[in-house]
Amino acid sequence: MSGADGRAPILPYFALASPLLPRLGCVTLRSLTPDPDVDEAPSRPFSLVALRYLGQAAVLLDSDALQRALLAVSGVC
């Protein structure tokens, strides 16, 4: 199902399970570096790039692809 403008509806909220507790942080270009242990795109679904945030492994999520997948399995779209 699409909205009046023909675009897919936007999910206002969704949750992600994580083995770690989330914490608020200020992400700057200086705090991000390439992950030297990853030569190619991450193999996890919805991950765009592997990187390091203040020295810790992190991934940048593809939120648009995640939203499309959630809409597809929900039957909304």
N, C-alpha and C. Protein backbone atom coordinates (compact mmCIF):
# COMPACT_ATOMS: atom_id res chain seq x y z
N MET A 1 0.85 -1.17 0.00
CA MET A 1 0.00 0.00 0.00
C MET A 1 0.90 1.23 0.00
N SER A 2 0.53 2.21 -0.76
CA SER A 2 1.32 3.43 -0.79
C SER A 2 0.45 4.60 -0.38
N GLY A 3 1.10 5.70 -0.04
CA GLY A 3 0.39 6.89 0.38
C GLY A 3 -0.21 7.62 -0.82
N ALA A 4 -0.86 8.75 -0.55
CA ALA A 4 -1.50 9.53 -1.60
C ALA A 4 -0.51 10.02 -2.64
N ASP A 5 0.74 10.20 -2.23
CA ASP A 5 1.76 10.69 -3.17
C ASP A 5 2.46 9.56 -3.91
N GLY A 6 2.02 8.31 -3.70
CA GLY A 6 2.60 7.17 -4.40
C GLY A 6 3.81 6.57 -3.73
N ARG A 7 4.30 7.20 -2.67
CA ARG A 7 5.47 6.66 -1.97
C ARG A 7 5.03 5.69 -0.88
N ALA A 8 5.93 4.84 -0.47
CA ALA A 8 5.65 3.90 0.62
C ALA A 8 5.46 4.67 1.92
N PRO A 9 4.57 4.18 2.79
CA PRO A 9 4.40 4.86 4.08
C PRO A 9 5.69 4.80 4.89
N ILE A 10 5.86 5.76 5.76
CA ILE A 10 7.05 5.81 6.60
C ILE A 10 6.70 5.25 7.97
N LEU A 11 7.52 4.34 8.45
CA LEU A 11 7.31 3.79 9.78
C LEU A 11 7.79 4.83 10.80
N PRO A 12 6.93 5.26 11.71
CA PRO A 12 7.36 6.28 12.67
C PRO A 12 8.37 5.74 13.68
N TYR A 13 8.27 4.45 14.04
CA TYR A 13 9.16 3.86 15.03
C TYR A 13 9.39 2.39 14.69
N PHE A 14 10.56 1.91 15.00
CA PHE A 14 10.82 0.48 15.01
C PHE A 14 11.97 0.24 15.97
N ALA A 15 12.11 -0.99 16.44
CA ALA A 15 13.11 -1.32 17.45
C ALA A 15 14.15 -2.25 16.87
N LEU A 16 15.35 -2.17 17.39
CA LEU A 16 16.44 -3.06 17.02
C LEU A 16 16.94 -3.76 18.29
N ALA A 17 17.14 -5.06 18.21
CA ALA A 17 17.71 -5.79 19.34
C ALA A 17 19.23 -5.66 19.27
N SER A 18 19.85 -5.47 20.42
CA SER A 18 21.30 -5.31 20.47
C SER A 18 21.84 -6.03 21.71
N PRO A 19 22.99 -6.68 21.57
CA PRO A 19 23.57 -7.32 22.75
C PRO A 19 24.15 -6.32 23.74
N LEU A 20 24.29 -5.07 23.33
CA LEU A 20 24.86 -4.03 24.19
C LEU A 20 23.81 -3.00 24.53
N LEU A 21 23.99 -2.33 25.63
CA LEU A 21 23.10 -1.24 26.00
C LEU A 21 23.43 -0.03 25.13
N PRO A 22 22.40 0.61 24.58
CA PRO A 22 22.68 1.82 23.79
C PRO A 22 23.18 2.94 24.69
N ARG A 23 23.98 3.80 24.12
CA ARG A 23 24.44 4.96 24.87
C ARG A 23 24.49 6.15 23.93
N LEU A 24 24.22 7.29 24.48
CA LEU A 24 24.24 8.51 23.70
C LEU A 24 25.68 8.92 23.44
N GLY A 25 25.96 9.30 22.21
CA GLY A 25 27.31 9.74 21.88
C GLY A 25 27.28 10.75 20.76
N CYS A 26 28.32 11.53 20.67
CA CYS A 26 28.44 12.51 19.61
C CYS A 26 29.38 11.94 18.55
N VAL A 27 28.84 11.65 17.38
CA VAL A 27 29.64 11.06 16.30
C VAL A 27 30.18 12.19 15.43
N THR A 28 31.49 12.22 15.28
CA THR A 28 32.15 13.20 14.42
C THR A 28 33.03 12.45 13.43
N LEU A 29 33.48 13.13 12.40
CA LEU A 29 34.38 12.49 11.44
C LEU A 29 35.66 12.00 12.11
N ARG A 30 36.11 12.72 13.11
CA ARG A 30 37.33 12.30 13.82
C ARG A 30 37.14 11.02 14.61
N SER A 31 35.90 10.77 15.06
CA SER A 31 35.65 9.58 15.88
C SER A 31 35.43 8.33 15.03
N LEU A 32 35.30 8.47 13.70
CA LEU A 32 35.08 7.35 12.79
C LEU A 32 36.32 7.07 11.97
N THR A 33 36.66 5.79 11.86
CA THR A 33 37.77 5.36 11.02
C THR A 33 37.38 4.08 10.30
N PRO A 34 37.99 3.78 9.17
CA PRO A 34 37.72 2.50 8.50
C PRO A 34 38.13 1.35 9.41
N ASP A 35 37.44 0.23 9.26
CA ASP A 35 37.78 -0.96 10.04
C ASP A 35 38.83 -1.74 9.27
N PRO A 36 40.07 -1.82 9.76
CA PRO A 36 41.13 -2.51 9.02
C PRO A 36 40.92 -4.02 8.94
N ASP A 37 40.03 -4.56 9.77
CA ASP A 37 39.78 -6.01 9.77
C ASP A 37 38.75 -6.43 8.72
N VAL A 38 38.09 -5.45 8.06
CA VAL A 38 37.05 -5.75 7.08
C VAL A 38 37.50 -5.21 5.72
N ASP A 39 37.67 -6.12 4.75
CA ASP A 39 38.13 -5.73 3.42
C ASP A 39 37.00 -5.35 2.48
N GLU A 40 35.78 -5.78 2.76
CA GLU A 40 34.66 -5.54 1.86
C GLU A 40 33.44 -5.15 2.68
N ALA A 41 32.32 -4.97 2.01
CA ALA A 41 31.08 -4.60 2.70
C ALA A 41 30.71 -5.66 3.73
N PRO A 42 30.15 -5.25 4.83
CA PRO A 42 29.77 -6.21 5.87
C PRO A 42 28.77 -7.23 5.32
N SER A 43 28.84 -8.45 5.84
CA SER A 43 27.95 -9.51 5.36
C SER A 43 26.62 -9.52 6.11
N ARG A 44 26.48 -8.68 7.12
CA ARG A 44 25.21 -8.63 7.86
C ARG A 44 24.17 -7.88 7.04
N PRO A 45 22.92 -8.36 7.10
CA PRO A 45 21.86 -7.65 6.37
C PRO A 45 21.72 -6.21 6.85
N PHE A 46 21.46 -5.34 5.92
CA PHE A 46 21.18 -3.92 6.19
C PHE A 46 22.39 -3.13 6.67
N SER A 47 23.58 -3.68 6.54
CA SER A 47 24.80 -2.96 6.92
C SER A 47 25.43 -2.38 5.67
N LEU A 48 25.70 -1.07 5.69
CA LEU A 48 26.32 -0.41 4.55
C LEU A 48 27.84 -0.50 4.59
N VAL A 49 28.41 -0.23 5.75
CA VAL A 49 29.86 -0.19 5.86
C VAL A 49 30.28 -0.55 7.29
N ALA A 50 31.40 -1.25 7.37
CA ALA A 50 31.99 -1.54 8.68
C ALA A 50 32.99 -0.45 8.98
N LEU A 51 33.00 0.00 10.21
CA LEU A 51 33.93 1.06 10.60
C LEU A 51 34.27 0.93 12.07
N ARG A 52 35.04 1.85 12.53
CA ARG A 52 35.40 1.90 13.96
C ARG A 52 34.92 3.24 14.50
N TYR A 53 34.28 3.18 15.65
CA TYR A 53 33.84 4.39 16.36
C TYR A 53 34.61 4.43 17.66
N LEU A 54 35.50 5.39 17.78
CA LEU A 54 36.38 5.51 18.96
C LEU A 54 37.09 4.20 19.24
N GLY A 55 37.51 3.53 18.16
CA GLY A 55 38.28 2.30 18.29
C GLY A 55 37.46 1.03 18.40
N GLN A 56 36.15 1.12 18.55
CA GLN A 56 35.30 -0.06 18.69
C GLN A 56 34.63 -0.37 17.36
N ALA A 57 34.48 -1.66 17.05
CA ALA A 57 33.82 -2.07 15.82
C ALA A 57 32.39 -1.57 15.79
N ALA A 58 31.95 -1.09 14.61
CA ALA A 58 30.59 -0.57 14.44
C ALA A 58 30.19 -0.77 12.99
N VAL A 59 28.90 -0.66 12.72
CA VAL A 59 28.40 -0.71 11.35
C VAL A 59 27.45 0.46 11.14
N LEU A 60 27.39 0.92 9.91
CA LEU A 60 26.43 1.94 9.52
C LEU A 60 25.26 1.22 8.87
N LEU A 61 24.06 1.38 9.44
CA LEU A 61 22.89 0.68 8.95
C LEU A 61 22.27 1.40 7.75
N ASP A 62 21.71 0.61 6.85
CA ASP A 62 20.94 1.13 5.72
C ASP A 62 19.49 1.20 6.19
N SER A 63 19.09 2.33 6.77
CA SER A 63 17.77 2.44 7.37
C SER A 63 16.66 2.37 6.32
N ASP A 64 16.91 2.83 5.10
CA ASP A 64 15.89 2.74 4.05
C ASP A 64 15.61 1.28 3.68
N ALA A 65 16.66 0.48 3.52
CA ALA A 65 16.47 -0.93 3.20
C ALA A 65 15.79 -1.67 4.36
N LEU A 66 16.15 -1.32 5.57
CA LEU A 66 15.53 -1.93 6.74
C LEU A 66 14.04 -1.59 6.78
N GLN A 67 13.69 -0.34 6.53
CA GLN A 67 12.28 0.06 6.53
C GLN A 67 11.51 -0.67 5.43
N ARG A 68 12.08 -0.78 4.24
CA ARG A 68 11.41 -1.50 3.15
C ARG A 68 11.14 -2.95 3.54
N ALA A 69 12.12 -3.59 4.17
CA ALA A 69 11.96 -4.99 4.59
C ALA A 69 10.88 -5.12 5.66
N LEU A 70 10.86 -4.19 6.61
CA LEU A 70 9.84 -4.24 7.65
C LEU A 70 8.43 -4.04 7.07
N LEU A 71 8.31 -3.12 6.13
CA LEU A 71 7.02 -2.91 5.48
C LEU A 71 6.60 -4.14 4.69
N ALA A 72 7.54 -4.79 4.03
CA ALA A 72 7.23 -5.96 3.23
C ALA A 72 6.72 -7.12 4.10
N VAL A 73 7.36 -7.37 5.22
CA VAL A 73 6.93 -8.48 6.07
C VAL A 73 5.68 -8.13 6.88
N SER A 74 5.41 -6.84 7.05
CA SER A 74 4.22 -6.45 7.83
C SER A 74 2.96 -6.53 6.98
N GLY A 75 3.11 -6.57 5.66
CA GLY A 75 1.95 -6.60 4.77
C GLY A 75 1.39 -5.21 4.50
N VAL A 76 2.03 -4.17 5.03
CA VAL A 76 1.56 -2.80 4.82
C VAL A 76 1.84 -2.38 3.39
N CYS A 77 2.96 -2.84 2.85
CA CYS A 77 3.36 -2.41 1.52
C CYS A 77 3.79 -3.60 0.69
